[in-house]
Amino acid sequence: MLIKDTEQWANHLFKHAELGDERRTKRLVKISHQMASNTGSSIVKASGSQASIEGAYRFLRNDKVDADNIATAGLNSLLPAITLSNTILALEDTSTLCYRHNVTKELGHTGAYKQSS
């Protein structure tokens, strides 16, 4: 199955995520759709409104949101298509980030780059 619309993709992938509250699942779908529609953008730029930005950050800070539950929902939504396929591509993003801002000390270890004083 090929889904070209990011809203349909996000809904298909995460609509059954068990995050303890239906509103969290809806927020996950919304954030996923916004980020997929604005590849490479920050949450602020992808969100489009102050309410969406705050909702995304509240979602990310929520201790009741478990990354394993999100991953499980994604995998479970893909299993039917995977079982019908003879070929599966497992793509990995090996991108790294290099922060050269004054706030890098607050980020902790982010890689091999050492900021000069």
Protein backbone atom coordinates (compact mmCIF):
# COMPACT_ATOMS: atom_id res chain seq x y z
CA MET A 1 0.00 0.00 0.00
CA LEU A 2 1.35 3.40 -0.99
CA ILE A 3 0.15 6.41 0.98
CA LYS A 4 1.16 9.77 -0.46
CA ASP A 5 -0.80 12.05 1.88
CA THR A 6 1.04 12.69 5.17
CA GLU A 7 -2.18 12.96 7.17
CA GLN A 8 -3.35 9.55 5.94
CA TRP A 9 0.12 8.13 6.56
CA ALA A 10 0.25 9.42 10.16
CA ASN A 11 -3.28 8.21 10.86
CA HIS A 12 -2.58 4.77 9.38
CA LEU A 13 0.65 4.41 11.31
CA PHE A 14 -0.36 5.66 14.74
CA LYS A 15 -4.17 5.66 15.11
CA HIS A 16 -4.01 2.54 17.31
CA ALA A 17 -1.18 3.75 19.56
CA GLU A 18 -1.97 2.88 23.16
CA LEU A 19 -0.90 5.97 25.05
CA GLY A 20 -3.46 5.78 27.85
CA ASP A 21 -5.68 8.55 26.50
CA GLU A 22 -7.29 9.02 23.10
CA ARG A 23 -6.21 12.67 23.10
CA ARG A 24 -2.54 11.64 23.26
CA THR A 25 -3.01 9.33 20.28
CA LYS A 26 -4.66 12.14 18.32
CA ARG A 27 -1.80 14.46 19.24
CA LEU A 28 0.75 11.86 18.06
CA VAL A 29 -1.05 11.58 14.72
CA LYS A 30 -1.17 15.38 14.40
CA ILE A 31 2.52 15.88 15.27
CA SER A 32 3.55 13.08 12.91
CA HIS A 33 1.49 14.58 10.09
CA GLN A 34 2.89 18.07 10.67
CA MET A 35 6.50 16.90 10.87
CA ALA A 36 6.14 14.67 7.78
CA SER A 37 4.57 17.55 5.86
CA ASN A 38 7.45 19.84 6.82
CA THR A 39 10.47 17.57 6.56
CA GLY A 40 13.55 19.14 8.09
CA SER A 41 11.60 21.79 9.96
CA SER A 42 11.57 22.34 13.69
CA ILE A 43 8.47 21.61 15.73
CA VAL A 44 7.86 25.36 15.90
CA LYS A 45 7.93 25.80 12.12
CA ALA A 46 6.01 22.60 11.38
CA SER A 47 3.25 23.23 13.94
CA GLY A 48 1.84 26.35 12.36
CA SER A 49 0.17 27.82 15.44
CA GLN A 50 1.04 28.60 19.03
CA ALA A 51 -1.54 26.08 20.26
CA SER A 52 -0.04 23.30 18.11
CA ILE A 53 3.47 24.17 19.29
CA GLU A 54 2.43 24.03 22.95
CA GLY A 55 0.49 20.80 22.34
CA ALA A 56 3.53 19.18 20.74
CA TYR A 57 5.83 20.19 23.59
CA ARG A 58 3.31 19.03 26.21
CA PHE A 59 3.12 15.70 24.39
CA LEU A 60 6.91 15.33 24.31
CA ARG A 61 7.25 16.22 28.01
CA ASN A 62 4.44 13.88 29.10
CA ASP A 63 5.78 11.04 31.26
CA LYS A 64 2.81 8.89 30.24
CA VAL A 65 3.92 8.89 26.59
CA ASP A 66 6.10 5.82 26.08
CA ALA A 67 8.31 5.59 22.98
CA ASP A 68 7.93 1.79 22.98
CA ASN A 69 4.15 2.13 22.65
CA ILE A 70 4.61 4.48 19.71
CA ALA A 71 7.06 2.09 18.03
CA THR A 72 4.73 -0.86 18.65
CA ALA A 73 1.81 0.99 17.07
CA GLY A 74 3.90 1.77 14.00
CA LEU A 75 5.13 -1.80 13.66
CA ASN A 76 1.67 -3.28 14.14
CA SER A 77 0.23 -1.02 11.44
CA LEU A 78 2.92 -2.19 9.02
CA LEU A 79 2.76 -5.93 9.72
CA PRO A 80 -0.12 -6.74 7.32
CA ALA A 81 1.73 -5.12 4.40
CA ILE A 82 5.05 -6.69 5.40
CA THR A 83 3.61 -10.20 5.42
CA LEU A 84 2.38 -9.72 1.83
CA SER A 85 5.74 -8.55 0.53
CA ASN A 86 8.69 -10.56 -0.76
CA THR A 87 11.08 -7.67 -0.20
CA ILE A 88 11.48 -5.49 2.85
CA LEU A 89 13.74 -2.46 2.96
CA ALA A 90 15.09 -1.58 6.40
CA LEU A 91 16.38 1.96 6.01
CA GLU A 92 18.47 3.64 8.65
CA ASP A 93 19.13 7.32 9.10
CA THR A 94 22.71 7.80 10.20
CA SER A 95 22.54 11.58 10.24
CA THR A 96 24.33 13.41 13.01
CA LEU A 97 23.87 16.88 14.39
CA CYS A 98 26.62 19.34 15.21
CA TYR A 99 25.66 22.23 17.48
CA ARG A 100 27.98 25.21 17.48
CA HIS A 101 25.92 27.59 19.58
CA ASN A 102 26.65 29.05 22.98
CA VAL A 103 24.03 26.74 24.51
CA THR A 104 25.86 23.53 23.55
CA LYS A 105 27.12 23.03 27.10
CA GLU A 106 23.50 22.76 28.25
CA LEU A 107 22.76 20.03 25.65
CA GLY A 108 25.24 17.56 27.12
CA HIS A 109 27.18 15.15 24.92
CA THR A 110 25.98 15.40 21.31
CA GLY A 111 28.89 13.77 19.46
CA ALA A 112 32.60 14.10 18.82
CA TYR A 113 32.58 17.84 18.14
CA LYS A 114 34.32 19.89 20.84
CA GLN A 115 33.36 23.53 21.16
CA SER A 116 36.31 25.87 21.40
CA SER A 117 36.20 28.54 24.09
